[in-house]
Each structure stands twice: as C-alpha cells, then as structure tokens.
C-alpha cells in the first residue's frame, strides 16, 4: 500500500498496545516483555512518545479515523 501523503510503500503489520503503543510488521515476533528495549529488540517499532502511563493528553498521539472506509492515520 502506498502512503497517501508521500507515496512511499507502507509496511503491513499490526498496531498493538500494552504499556506502550507499537507497530509489529508482518513476520516479526511479538515482544516477550512490554518495555521499549524488548519492543525494539523484537523488531517492532514504538509509535508513542516516552509517556508510559501518562495521563496528560498533550503526550497522546493524534489520530484521524474514517468511519466510512474503516481506516485510521496517526502520527508518531
């Protein structure tokens, strides 16, 4: 799939959350622990700020959701 903003090829995978938001590319193992070090070591990509457990909304990532086509886009 091509990025609708820059036309680069996008990676396919799963967006996961467990202590931190992270993207697991297809073919990559899910991390055994949910620390940033374990996430990176497993080949997954952290996609949230360093705000684990933060309750302050200013640290949360902004996302856009299309209910019609069931897609979302988020900056990280």
N, C-alpha and C. Protein backbone atom coordinates (compact mmCIF):
# COMPACT_ATOMS: atom_id res chain seq x y z
N UNK A 1 0.85 -1.17 0.00
CA UNK A 1 0.00 0.00 0.00
C UNK A 1 0.89 1.23 0.00
N UNK A 2 0.49 2.22 -0.72
CA UNK A 2 1.24 3.48 -0.81
C UNK A 2 0.70 4.50 0.20
N UNK A 3 1.61 5.26 0.79
CA UNK A 3 1.24 6.32 1.72
C UNK A 3 0.46 7.39 0.97
N UNK A 4 -0.71 7.81 1.49
CA UNK A 4 -1.49 8.84 0.79
C UNK A 4 -0.85 10.22 0.84
N UNK A 5 0.21 10.39 1.65
CA UNK A 5 0.86 11.69 1.77
C UNK A 5 2.12 11.81 0.93
N UNK A 6 3.01 10.77 0.96
CA UNK A 6 4.30 10.88 0.25
C UNK A 6 4.47 9.81 -0.83
N UNK A 7 3.52 8.90 -0.96
CA UNK A 7 3.52 7.82 -1.97
C UNK A 7 4.59 6.74 -1.74
N UNK A 8 5.27 6.76 -0.58
CA UNK A 8 6.22 5.69 -0.26
C UNK A 8 5.45 4.41 0.07
N UNK A 9 6.12 3.27 -0.10
CA UNK A 9 5.50 1.99 0.25
C UNK A 9 5.33 1.91 1.77
N UNK A 10 4.16 1.51 2.23
CA UNK A 10 3.88 1.39 3.66
C UNK A 10 4.08 -0.06 4.10
N UNK A 11 4.49 -0.26 5.35
CA UNK A 11 4.65 -1.60 5.90
C UNK A 11 3.30 -2.12 6.37
N UNK A 12 3.10 -3.41 6.20
CA UNK A 12 1.89 -4.06 6.68
C UNK A 12 2.20 -4.71 8.01
N UNK A 13 1.29 -4.62 8.95
CA UNK A 13 1.51 -5.23 10.25
C UNK A 13 0.33 -4.94 11.16
N UNK A 14 0.59 -5.01 12.45
CA UNK A 14 -0.46 -4.81 13.45
C UNK A 14 -0.04 -3.71 14.42
N UNK A 15 -0.99 -2.85 14.77
CA UNK A 15 -0.77 -1.85 15.80
C UNK A 15 -1.18 -2.49 17.12
N UNK A 16 -0.26 -2.55 18.07
CA UNK A 16 -0.50 -3.21 19.36
C UNK A 16 -0.32 -2.19 20.47
N UNK A 17 -0.91 -2.46 21.58
CA UNK A 17 -0.72 -1.61 22.75
C UNK A 17 -0.73 -2.48 24.00
N UNK A 18 0.26 -2.28 24.80
CA UNK A 18 0.37 -2.97 26.08
C UNK A 18 1.47 -2.26 26.85
N UNK A 19 1.11 -1.21 27.54
CA UNK A 19 2.11 -0.40 28.23
C UNK A 19 2.65 0.69 27.32
N UNK A 20 2.79 0.39 26.07
CA UNK A 20 3.26 1.35 25.07
C UNK A 20 2.63 0.97 23.73
N UNK A 21 2.37 1.94 22.88
CA UNK A 21 1.86 1.65 21.54
C UNK A 21 3.04 1.28 20.66
N UNK A 22 2.88 0.20 19.88
CA UNK A 22 3.94 -0.20 18.98
C UNK A 22 3.36 -0.92 17.77
N UNK A 23 4.11 -0.88 16.68
CA UNK A 23 3.72 -1.48 15.42
C UNK A 23 4.56 -2.74 15.21
N UNK A 24 3.89 -3.85 14.94
CA UNK A 24 4.59 -5.12 14.70
C UNK A 24 4.45 -5.45 13.21
N UNK A 25 5.54 -5.28 12.42
CA UNK A 25 5.47 -5.61 11.00
C UNK A 25 5.16 -7.09 10.79
N UNK A 26 4.48 -7.42 9.71
CA UNK A 26 4.21 -8.82 9.40
C UNK A 26 5.53 -9.60 9.38
N UNK A 27 5.52 -10.79 9.97
CA UNK A 27 6.71 -11.62 10.03
C UNK A 27 7.58 -11.36 11.24
N UNK A 28 7.26 -10.36 12.02
CA UNK A 28 8.03 -10.01 13.21
C UNK A 28 7.36 -10.63 14.43
N UNK A 29 8.17 -11.10 15.38
CA UNK A 29 7.62 -11.67 16.60
C UNK A 29 7.06 -10.57 17.51
N UNK A 30 6.02 -10.91 18.24
CA UNK A 30 5.50 -10.00 19.26
C UNK A 30 6.48 -10.01 20.43
N UNK A 31 6.81 -8.84 20.99
CA UNK A 31 7.77 -8.79 22.09
C UNK A 31 7.33 -9.64 23.28
N UNK A 32 8.31 -10.24 23.97
CA UNK A 32 8.02 -11.04 25.16
C UNK A 32 7.68 -10.15 26.35
N UNK A 33 8.36 -9.03 26.46
CA UNK A 33 8.09 -8.05 27.51
C UNK A 33 7.59 -6.78 26.85
N UNK A 34 6.95 -5.94 27.61
CA UNK A 34 6.39 -4.73 27.04
C UNK A 34 7.18 -3.49 27.43
N UNK A 35 8.51 -3.63 27.40
CA UNK A 35 9.39 -2.49 27.62
C UNK A 35 9.86 -2.00 26.26
N UNK A 36 10.28 -0.75 26.20
CA UNK A 36 10.75 -0.20 24.93
C UNK A 36 11.93 -1.02 24.39
N UNK A 37 12.85 -1.44 25.27
CA UNK A 37 14.01 -2.23 24.84
C UNK A 37 13.57 -3.56 24.23
N UNK A 38 12.62 -4.25 24.87
CA UNK A 38 12.13 -5.53 24.36
C UNK A 38 11.38 -5.35 23.04
N UNK A 39 10.62 -4.27 22.93
CA UNK A 39 9.86 -3.99 21.70
C UNK A 39 10.83 -3.81 20.54
N UNK A 40 11.87 -3.00 20.73
CA UNK A 40 12.86 -2.74 19.68
C UNK A 40 13.65 -4.00 19.36
N UNK A 41 14.03 -4.77 20.39
CA UNK A 41 14.81 -6.00 20.18
C UNK A 41 14.04 -7.03 19.35
N UNK A 42 12.71 -7.03 19.48
CA UNK A 42 11.88 -7.98 18.73
C UNK A 42 11.66 -7.54 17.29
N UNK A 43 12.10 -6.32 16.95
CA UNK A 43 11.91 -5.82 15.59
C UNK A 43 10.66 -5.00 15.42
N UNK A 44 9.93 -4.77 16.52
CA UNK A 44 8.74 -3.93 16.47
C UNK A 44 9.17 -2.46 16.54
N UNK A 45 8.24 -1.56 16.25
CA UNK A 45 8.55 -0.14 16.17
C UNK A 45 7.68 0.62 17.16
N UNK A 46 8.28 1.25 18.20
CA UNK A 46 7.48 2.06 19.12
C UNK A 46 6.85 3.23 18.37
N UNK A 47 5.58 3.50 18.64
CA UNK A 47 4.89 4.58 17.93
C UNK A 47 4.21 5.55 18.90
N UNK A 48 4.71 5.61 20.13
CA UNK A 48 4.17 6.59 21.07
C UNK A 48 5.33 7.34 21.70
N UNK A 49 4.99 8.45 22.31
CA UNK A 49 6.02 9.23 22.98
C UNK A 49 6.49 8.48 24.22
N UNK A 50 7.53 8.96 24.84
CA UNK A 50 8.02 8.35 26.08
C UNK A 50 7.13 8.81 27.23
N UNK A 51 5.89 8.37 27.19
CA UNK A 51 4.91 8.80 28.18
C UNK A 51 4.12 7.61 28.70
N UNK A 52 4.83 6.54 29.01
CA UNK A 52 4.15 5.35 29.51
C UNK A 52 3.42 5.69 30.79
N UNK A 53 2.14 5.40 30.81
CA UNK A 53 1.33 5.67 31.98
C UNK A 53 0.94 7.13 32.14
N UNK A 54 1.31 7.96 31.19
CA UNK A 54 0.99 9.38 31.30
C UNK A 54 -0.50 9.61 31.14
N UNK A 55 -1.03 10.41 32.01
CA UNK A 55 -2.45 10.71 31.92
C UNK A 55 -2.69 12.06 31.25
N UNK A 56 -1.62 12.71 30.84
CA UNK A 56 -1.70 14.04 30.23
C UNK A 56 -1.95 13.90 28.73
N UNK A 57 -3.09 14.41 28.28
CA UNK A 57 -3.45 14.26 26.86
C UNK A 57 -2.46 14.88 25.90
N UNK A 58 -1.71 15.88 26.33
CA UNK A 58 -0.76 16.51 25.41
C UNK A 58 0.33 15.55 24.96
N UNK A 59 0.52 14.43 25.66
CA UNK A 59 1.51 13.43 25.28
C UNK A 59 0.93 12.33 24.40
N UNK A 60 -0.37 12.34 24.17
CA UNK A 60 -1.01 11.30 23.36
C UNK A 60 -0.90 11.64 21.88
N UNK A 61 -0.78 10.63 21.06
CA UNK A 61 -0.67 10.82 19.62
C UNK A 61 -2.02 11.21 19.02
N UNK A 62 -1.99 12.10 18.05
CA UNK A 62 -3.20 12.49 17.34
C UNK A 62 -3.45 11.48 16.23
N UNK A 63 -4.71 11.11 16.05
CA UNK A 63 -5.08 10.15 15.01
C UNK A 63 -6.35 10.63 14.33
N UNK A 64 -6.53 10.18 13.10
CA UNK A 64 -7.73 10.50 12.32
C UNK A 64 -8.37 9.20 11.89
N UNK A 65 -9.68 9.13 12.04
CA UNK A 65 -10.43 7.91 11.77
C UNK A 65 -11.51 8.17 10.73
N UNK A 66 -11.59 7.31 9.73
CA UNK A 66 -12.67 7.37 8.74
C UNK A 66 -13.64 6.22 9.03
N UNK A 67 -14.82 6.54 9.50
CA UNK A 67 -15.81 5.51 9.82
C UNK A 67 -16.35 4.84 8.57
N UNK A 68 -16.35 5.57 7.46
CA UNK A 68 -16.87 5.01 6.21
C UNK A 68 -15.97 3.89 5.67
N UNK A 69 -14.66 4.15 5.57
CA UNK A 69 -13.75 3.13 5.00
C UNK A 69 -13.00 2.35 6.06
N UNK A 70 -13.23 2.66 7.36
CA UNK A 70 -12.65 1.92 8.49
C UNK A 70 -11.12 1.93 8.44
N UNK A 71 -10.55 3.12 8.24
CA UNK A 71 -9.10 3.32 8.23
C UNK A 71 -8.75 4.41 9.24
N UNK A 72 -7.53 4.34 9.77
CA UNK A 72 -7.07 5.44 10.59
C UNK A 72 -5.63 5.77 10.24
N UNK A 73 -5.27 7.01 10.48
CA UNK A 73 -3.92 7.50 10.25
C UNK A 73 -3.50 8.23 11.51
N UNK A 74 -2.28 7.95 11.96
CA UNK A 74 -1.78 8.60 13.17
C UNK A 74 -0.32 8.97 13.00
N UNK A 75 0.06 10.11 13.54
CA UNK A 75 1.47 10.50 13.59
C UNK A 75 2.11 9.83 14.80
N UNK A 76 3.41 9.56 14.73
CA UNK A 76 4.11 9.06 15.91
C UNK A 76 5.45 9.73 16.04
